[in-house]
Structures are given as C-alpha cells and as structure tokens.
Amino acid sequence: VAVAEALLKRLLPSYIESFQFQKLKGEKDCFTIESVKDKIVIGGNNANSMAMGLNHYLKYYCLTTVSWYADIAVEIPEELPMVGEKVVSEARVDTRFFLNYCTYGYTMPWWQWKEWERFIDWMALNGINMPLAITGQEAVWHKVWSKMGMSDIEIRSYFTGPPYLPWHRMANIDRWNGPLPMEWLEHQVSLQKKILARERELNMKPVLPAFAGHVPADLKRIYPEADIQHLGKWAGFADAYRCNFLNPNDALFAKIQKLFLDEQKKLFGTDHIYGLDPFNEVDPPSFEPEYLRKIA
C-alpha cells in the first residue's frame, strides 16, 4: 500500500487524499476499483496490481493517458469521476515481459534517474512485472576482465561509446567510439541500483544479463589455447571492430560465466532470471544443427 501511495504521489500529488489503496488476499495478480463515499478505492494483491488498477481508472474514467516522458504532467478532471459498478480484473498471464537489448540504445543511454523513475512507474501502471534490466553491466565486465589479466585501458577500449552499447552487448561491434570513460561505468552502476530497487519494490523481477560468449580480442593473448573465433561482419563495419566469440564448450566459458554472475550479484543482487542474445544479426561459427544444439 505504501509503495502504491508513493507512486500516486509522484504522478498526482494534488490528489493523494482522493484515493485509497487496499491489499487484497491471494497470490493471483488482480485489482478492484470502486467508489466509497468521496474516495476512489483501489485494491490489489500487490503494488504492481494496484498500479494497474490506478491506470485503469485514469484511462477509462478520467480518459487520460500517462506518458512515460517525465516532463509530461498527468491531466485529469478537477472533480474525479465516480465508479458506478465495482471493477474486478484478474491478470490473464502471470509474467509480463518488456524491453529488448536495442531499446537501451537511442535516447535511453542519456536518461537520468528522473527519466527512469517515470518510466518504471509507467511500466507498473501497465502491469509489467519482468523488465529487461541491463544498465551498468560494463562495470561488472570491467571487474571480470581485470581479474582475467586485462588492463584498464584494454577493457575500456573494448567497449563502444554509450549509444552503441546495445550492439556491443549483442556481439555486433567492439571498440566503435570507445574507450568508454570510467565515469560512465560508475554512474551507470549508481543508476542501475536505483532502477532495480524501484522495480523490485513494484513487484517486478528484473531480467539481468549473463555471459553469451562475447569476449575481448585481447583475451587471446592471455589464453592462447582458448577456442576463440571471429563472428561474422556486421553492418559494414571494418574488421577492426569485429567481435570475438568463445566456444561455450571451452572450459574457460564456465569460468567467465561464474565470475560475471558472482560480480554482478555483489553489485545488483539477483532474481535468478537472466537474458542472453547470442548471434544477433551475425553469422555463428557454424550453422550445423549439431553445433547450434550444443551451443544452446
């Protein structure tokens, strides 16, 4: 209830006294809306459901849309419409996933907490409970590659500049517009901690990244026997920007995966759900079904 009230205060600070939230029993995601005297009473089995109930009221009774843009105020009637017949709604699916790797490019790299806070509220209002949450992973990788013997400048030069990070993370390009400043890595960690805390508060299970085999070219120097191969060219970029792929059957793969998950857990915790996006728009080392089966 306190979490739902805080969301309402962020969106409609002048209407705090006009709404009341109630916790409903049961595990199934559901919400109710009704008018009780002069208040709009919204019930939900958790804060995420209550947020969905609030959005339903705003959309269908106040005829307004809440934008994910932080600077656009929510406009509703001065006098709130009453709810004639009690609304009861139950989620059709338990898991509502949102976002992909590419959405973390474009304008999102420049978002500060102000933009993220509104965006997370918007996700809750729309019932999202499993968002992809991949901000800040370069700081985790910096720790991993450092432990494996790479220098600071080697690691930061392996990363692309901020707008290209989604395509770096999907193993399309390395180094383009790098090196990535250390200030960026540190700022993104701070931002990700706020993002995850708010998402979990709103009953979301964030999907964190894991290791899909993409490694820096400099790793070949340290592990010359490792099965590391070039991936296919992408979007016309020169060979200098091509990505390298460590065969998951190589013993080094499990070592890197464990290191990454351990370091990530120290920084961001875990909800035991991870997302990978291998071979995005590039040729894998082999198209043989048996090879791809083993990789999977």
Protein backbone atom coordinates (compact mmCIF):
# COMPACT_ATOMS: atom_id res chain seq x y z
CA VAL A 1 0.00 0.00 0.00
CA ALA A 2 2.82 2.41 0.89
CA VAL A 3 4.53 1.72 -2.45
CA ALA A 4 1.30 2.39 -4.39
CA GLU A 5 0.75 5.59 -2.41
CA ALA A 6 4.28 6.74 -3.24
CA LEU A 7 3.63 6.13 -6.95
CA LEU A 8 0.40 8.16 -6.75
CA LYS A 9 2.26 10.99 -5.00
CA ARG A 10 4.80 11.10 -7.85
CA LEU A 11 2.11 11.19 -10.54
CA LEU A 12 -0.76 13.13 -8.94
CA PRO A 13 0.49 14.92 -5.82
CA SER A 14 -2.67 17.05 -5.54
CA TYR A 15 -4.97 14.00 -5.40
CA ILE A 16 -3.41 11.95 -2.63
CA GLU A 17 -6.47 12.34 -0.39
CA SER A 18 -8.84 11.32 -3.18
CA PHE A 19 -7.56 7.73 -3.47
CA GLN A 20 -7.23 4.83 -1.08
CA PHE A 21 -5.31 1.61 -1.66
CA GLN A 22 -6.14 -1.75 -0.09
CA LYS A 23 -4.20 -5.02 -0.01
CA LEU A 24 -6.22 -7.95 -1.35
CA LYS A 25 -5.52 -11.52 -0.28
CA GLY A 26 -4.30 -14.15 -2.70
CA GLU A 27 -1.32 -14.76 -4.98
CA LYS A 28 -3.10 -14.24 -8.31
CA ASP A 29 -2.49 -10.75 -9.72
CA CYS A 30 -5.75 -8.81 -9.64
CA PHE A 31 -7.20 -5.39 -8.88
CA THR A 32 -10.54 -3.88 -7.91
CA ILE A 33 -11.83 -0.30 -8.24
CA GLU A 34 -14.86 1.19 -6.51
CA SER A 35 -16.17 4.47 -5.13
CA VAL A 36 -16.58 4.58 -1.37
CA LYS A 37 -18.04 7.89 -0.18
CA ASP A 38 -15.74 10.54 -1.68
CA LYS A 39 -12.77 8.26 -2.38
CA ILE A 40 -11.68 6.05 -5.23
CA VAL A 41 -10.68 2.80 -3.55
CA ILE A 42 -8.23 0.60 -5.45
CA GLY A 43 -7.47 -2.89 -4.23
CA GLY A 44 -4.69 -5.18 -5.39
CA ASN A 45 -2.80 -8.27 -4.27
CA ASN A 46 0.45 -6.26 -4.57
CA ALA A 47 1.71 -2.80 -5.53
CA ASN A 48 2.04 -3.76 -9.21
CA SER A 49 -1.64 -4.75 -9.36
CA MET A 50 -2.65 -1.58 -7.52
CA ALA A 51 -0.71 0.48 -10.07
CA MET A 52 -2.54 -1.32 -12.87
CA GLY A 53 -5.83 -0.56 -11.13
CA LEU A 54 -4.91 3.12 -10.87
CA ASN A 55 -4.06 3.22 -14.59
CA HIS A 56 -7.37 1.52 -15.45
CA TYR A 57 -9.22 4.21 -13.55
CA LEU A 58 -7.24 7.04 -15.16
CA LYS A 59 -7.69 5.59 -18.64
CA TYR A 60 -11.34 4.58 -18.61
CA TYR A 61 -12.88 7.01 -16.12
CA CYS A 62 -10.67 10.12 -16.39
CA LEU A 63 -9.98 9.48 -20.09
CA THR A 64 -6.32 10.33 -19.70
CA THR A 65 -3.05 8.70 -20.72
CA VAL A 66 0.05 8.62 -18.55
CA SER A 67 3.11 9.20 -20.73
CA TRP A 68 6.49 7.66 -19.93
CA TYR A 69 8.04 11.08 -20.61
CA ALA A 70 8.94 12.57 -17.25
CA ASP A 71 8.14 16.16 -18.25
CA ILE A 72 4.55 15.48 -19.34
CA ALA A 73 2.15 16.02 -16.45
CA VAL A 74 -0.84 13.74 -15.94
CA GLU A 75 -4.01 15.70 -16.66
CA ILE A 76 -7.23 14.59 -15.00
CA PRO A 77 -10.57 16.26 -14.22
CA GLU A 78 -10.67 18.55 -11.21
CA GLU A 79 -13.54 16.51 -9.84
CA LEU A 80 -12.83 12.80 -10.05
CA PRO A 81 -15.50 10.66 -11.77
CA MET A 82 -17.20 8.15 -9.51
CA VAL A 83 -17.15 4.41 -10.26
CA GLY A 84 -20.72 3.18 -10.67
CA GLU A 85 -20.23 -0.57 -10.60
CA LYS A 86 -17.25 -2.15 -8.85
CA VAL A 87 -14.50 -3.15 -11.30
CA VAL A 88 -12.82 -6.54 -10.79
CA SER A 89 -9.96 -7.60 -13.07
CA GLU A 90 -7.61 -10.58 -12.99
CA ALA A 91 -4.32 -10.95 -14.88
CA ARG A 92 -4.54 -13.22 -17.91
CA VAL A 93 -0.86 -14.19 -17.65
CA ASP A 94 1.48 -14.35 -14.66
CA THR A 95 4.57 -13.00 -16.41
CA ARG A 96 4.56 -9.73 -18.37
CA PHE A 97 7.96 -9.16 -20.01
CA PHE A 98 9.09 -5.86 -21.52
CA LEU A 99 12.04 -4.30 -23.39
CA ASN A 100 14.86 -5.71 -25.51
CA TYR A 101 18.56 -5.00 -25.97
CA CYS A 102 18.04 -2.41 -28.72
CA THR A 103 15.79 -0.21 -26.62
CA TYR A 104 18.81 0.51 -24.42
CA GLY A 105 20.28 2.48 -27.31
CA TYR A 106 18.76 5.57 -28.99
CA THR A 107 17.79 8.04 -26.22
CA MET A 108 17.91 5.69 -23.23
CA PRO A 109 21.71 5.91 -22.69
CA TRP A 110 21.24 9.56 -21.71
CA TRP A 111 18.39 9.02 -19.26
CA GLN A 112 19.00 10.09 -15.67
CA TRP A 113 17.02 8.93 -12.62
CA LYS A 114 14.26 11.45 -13.39
CA GLU A 115 13.51 9.70 -16.70
CA TRP A 116 13.95 6.20 -15.28
CA GLU A 117 11.70 6.87 -12.30
CA ARG A 118 8.80 7.90 -14.53
CA PHE A 119 9.47 5.04 -16.94
CA ILE A 120 9.37 2.45 -14.14
CA ASP A 121 6.13 3.98 -12.86
CA TRP A 122 4.75 3.70 -16.41
CA MET A 123 5.76 0.03 -16.54
CA ALA A 124 3.98 -0.64 -13.25
CA LEU A 125 0.87 1.21 -14.45
CA ASN A 126 0.83 -1.13 -17.45
CA GLY A 127 1.28 -4.30 -15.43
CA ILE A 128 4.87 -5.07 -16.44
CA ASN A 129 6.46 -7.39 -13.89
CA MET A 130 9.52 -8.73 -15.73
CA PRO A 131 11.55 -5.92 -17.35
CA LEU A 132 14.91 -6.40 -19.02
CA ALA A 133 17.40 -4.57 -16.77
CA ILE A 134 20.85 -4.38 -18.37
CA THR A 135 22.09 -0.92 -17.34
CA GLY A 136 25.51 -0.89 -15.69
CA GLN A 137 26.79 -4.25 -16.91
CA GLU A 138 30.03 -2.78 -18.30
CA ALA A 139 31.19 -2.11 -14.73
CA VAL A 140 30.65 -5.79 -13.97
CA TRP A 141 32.60 -6.78 -17.07
CA HIS A 142 35.37 -4.38 -16.12
CA LYS A 143 35.82 -6.33 -12.86
CA VAL A 144 35.73 -9.67 -14.68
CA TRP A 145 38.24 -8.79 -17.41
CA SER A 146 40.52 -7.13 -14.81
CA LYS A 147 40.59 -10.36 -12.81
CA MET A 148 41.45 -12.23 -16.00
CA GLY A 149 44.56 -10.12 -16.60
CA MET A 150 43.47 -7.30 -18.92
CA SER A 151 44.48 -3.67 -18.30
CA ASP A 152 42.03 -0.86 -17.61
CA ILE A 153 42.58 0.82 -20.99
CA GLU A 154 42.31 -2.51 -22.86
CA ILE A 155 38.95 -3.16 -21.23
CA ARG A 156 37.51 0.31 -21.71
CA SER A 157 38.69 0.39 -25.33
CA TYR A 158 36.90 -2.91 -25.96
CA PHE A 159 33.59 -1.21 -25.08
CA THR A 160 31.86 1.05 -27.60
CA GLY A 161 30.60 4.55 -26.88
CA PRO A 162 27.28 4.75 -24.97
CA PRO A 163 24.80 4.92 -27.91
CA TYR A 164 26.30 1.76 -29.46
CA LEU A 165 26.36 -0.38 -26.31
CA PRO A 166 23.28 -2.47 -27.24
CA TRP A 167 25.08 -3.67 -30.38
CA HIS A 168 28.27 -4.27 -28.42
CA ARG A 169 26.29 -6.29 -25.86
CA MET A 170 24.77 -8.36 -28.67
CA ALA A 171 28.26 -9.04 -30.09
CA ASN A 172 27.86 -6.96 -33.26
CA ILE A 173 30.64 -4.39 -32.77
CA ASP A 174 33.58 -3.72 -30.43
CA ARG A 175 35.60 -0.52 -29.86
CA TRP A 176 33.48 1.83 -32.01
CA ASN A 177 33.56 5.34 -30.45
CA GLY A 178 35.44 3.97 -27.43
CA PRO A 179 37.08 3.96 -24.98
CA LEU A 180 34.21 4.18 -22.51
CA PRO A 181 35.06 6.61 -19.66
CA MET A 182 35.33 5.20 -16.13
CA GLU A 183 32.93 7.95 -15.01
CA TRP A 184 30.31 6.38 -17.28
CA LEU A 185 30.78 2.95 -15.72
CA GLU A 186 30.48 4.31 -12.18
CA HIS A 187 27.45 6.47 -12.99
CA GLN A 188 25.63 3.55 -14.61
CA VAL A 189 26.19 1.37 -11.53
CA SER A 190 24.63 4.04 -9.33
CA LEU A 191 21.71 4.37 -11.76
CA GLN A 192 21.17 0.59 -12.04
CA LYS A 193 20.99 0.23 -8.25
CA LYS A 194 18.15 2.78 -8.16
CA ILE A 195 16.42 1.15 -11.14
CA LEU A 196 16.49 -2.33 -9.60
CA ALA A 197 15.42 -1.15 -6.15
CA ARG A 198 12.35 0.60 -7.58
CA GLU A 199 11.46 -2.25 -9.95
CA ARG A 200 11.64 -4.81 -7.15
CA GLU A 201 9.65 -2.51 -4.88
CA LEU A 202 6.91 -2.54 -7.53
CA ASN A 203 6.84 -6.37 -7.57
CA MET A 204 8.91 -6.74 -10.70
CA LYS A 205 11.56 -9.43 -11.32
CA PRO A 206 14.25 -7.69 -13.37
CA VAL A 207 15.99 -9.79 -16.03
CA LEU A 208 19.75 -9.26 -15.67
CA PRO A 209 22.37 -10.07 -18.32
CA ALA A 210 24.58 -13.17 -18.40
CA PHE A 211 27.57 -14.29 -20.48
CA ALA A 212 26.79 -15.42 -24.04
CA GLY A 213 30.35 -15.95 -25.26
CA HIS A 214 31.35 -12.46 -26.43
CA VAL A 215 34.95 -11.79 -25.34
CA PRO A 216 37.60 -9.11 -25.98
CA ALA A 217 40.20 -9.84 -28.66
CA ASP A 218 42.91 -9.23 -26.01
CA LEU A 219 41.77 -12.35 -24.17
CA LYS A 220 43.50 -14.40 -26.89
CA ARG A 221 46.85 -13.04 -25.65
CA ILE A 222 46.19 -14.27 -22.12
CA TYR A 223 44.53 -17.57 -23.10
CA PRO A 224 46.15 -18.52 -26.45
CA GLU A 225 44.74 -22.07 -26.28
CA ALA A 226 41.12 -20.96 -25.80
CA ASP A 227 38.67 -21.67 -28.66
CA ILE A 228 38.02 -18.04 -29.62
CA GLN A 229 36.79 -17.20 -33.12
CA HIS A 230 35.69 -14.12 -35.07
CA LEU A 231 31.97 -13.67 -35.57
CA GLY A 232 30.70 -12.58 -38.98
CA LYS A 233 30.89 -8.96 -40.11
CA TRP A 234 28.04 -6.66 -39.15
CA ALA A 235 26.51 -3.64 -40.90
CA GLY A 236 29.60 -2.89 -42.98
CA PHE A 237 31.97 -2.21 -40.05
CA ALA A 238 35.68 -2.83 -40.71
CA ASP A 239 37.49 -5.89 -39.34
CA ALA A 240 38.96 -3.82 -36.50
CA TYR A 241 35.51 -3.64 -34.94
CA ARG A 242 34.53 -7.30 -35.32
CA CYS A 243 33.57 -9.30 -32.24
CA ASN A 244 35.15 -12.46 -30.86
CA PHE A 245 33.27 -15.48 -29.58
CA LEU A 246 34.41 -18.05 -27.03
CA ASN A 247 33.03 -21.52 -27.73
CA PRO A 248 30.73 -22.42 -24.81
CA ASN A 249 32.19 -25.94 -24.87
CA ASP A 250 35.56 -24.47 -23.89
CA ALA A 251 36.38 -24.84 -20.16
CA LEU A 252 37.07 -21.09 -19.98
CA PHE A 253 33.41 -20.32 -20.72
CA ALA A 254 32.11 -21.65 -17.39
CA LYS A 255 34.87 -19.80 -15.53
CA ILE A 256 33.88 -16.46 -17.12
CA GLN A 257 30.16 -17.12 -16.61
CA LYS A 258 30.66 -17.79 -12.89
CA LEU A 259 32.93 -14.76 -12.45
CA PHE A 260 30.40 -12.50 -14.16
CA LEU A 261 27.37 -13.75 -12.22
CA ASP A 262 29.26 -13.54 -8.92
CA GLU A 263 30.44 -9.97 -9.55
CA GLN A 264 27.01 -8.91 -10.80
CA LYS A 265 25.32 -10.39 -7.75
CA LYS A 266 27.63 -8.39 -5.46
CA LEU A 267 26.60 -5.16 -7.18
CA PHE A 268 22.98 -5.76 -8.13
CA GLY A 269 21.67 -8.88 -6.40
CA THR A 270 19.69 -11.39 -8.44
CA ASP A 271 16.14 -12.55 -9.11
CA HIS A 272 17.53 -15.68 -10.78
CA ILE A 273 16.38 -14.68 -14.26
CA TYR A 274 18.92 -13.85 -16.97
CA GLY A 275 18.69 -12.76 -20.58
CA LEU A 276 21.07 -13.60 -23.44
CA ASP A 277 21.00 -12.51 -27.07
CA PRO A 278 23.61 -14.59 -28.97
CA PHE A 279 24.28 -14.40 -32.72
CA ASN A 280 22.22 -11.27 -33.27
CA GLU A 281 22.49 -10.38 -36.98
CA VAL A 282 25.90 -12.10 -37.29
CA ASP A 283 26.99 -15.49 -38.62
CA PRO A 284 27.75 -18.04 -35.89
CA PRO A 285 31.00 -20.01 -36.29
CA SER A 286 28.91 -22.85 -37.77
CA PHE A 287 25.35 -23.31 -38.99
CA GLU A 288 25.49 -27.06 -38.41
CA PRO A 289 22.42 -28.05 -36.33
CA GLU A 290 24.54 -30.21 -34.01
CA TYR A 291 26.88 -27.30 -33.26
CA LEU A 292 23.99 -24.90 -32.61
CA ARG A 293 22.31 -27.53 -30.42
CA LYS A 294 25.44 -27.81 -28.28
CA ILE A 295 25.77 -24.01 -28.06
CA ALA A 296 22.17 -23.69 -26.89
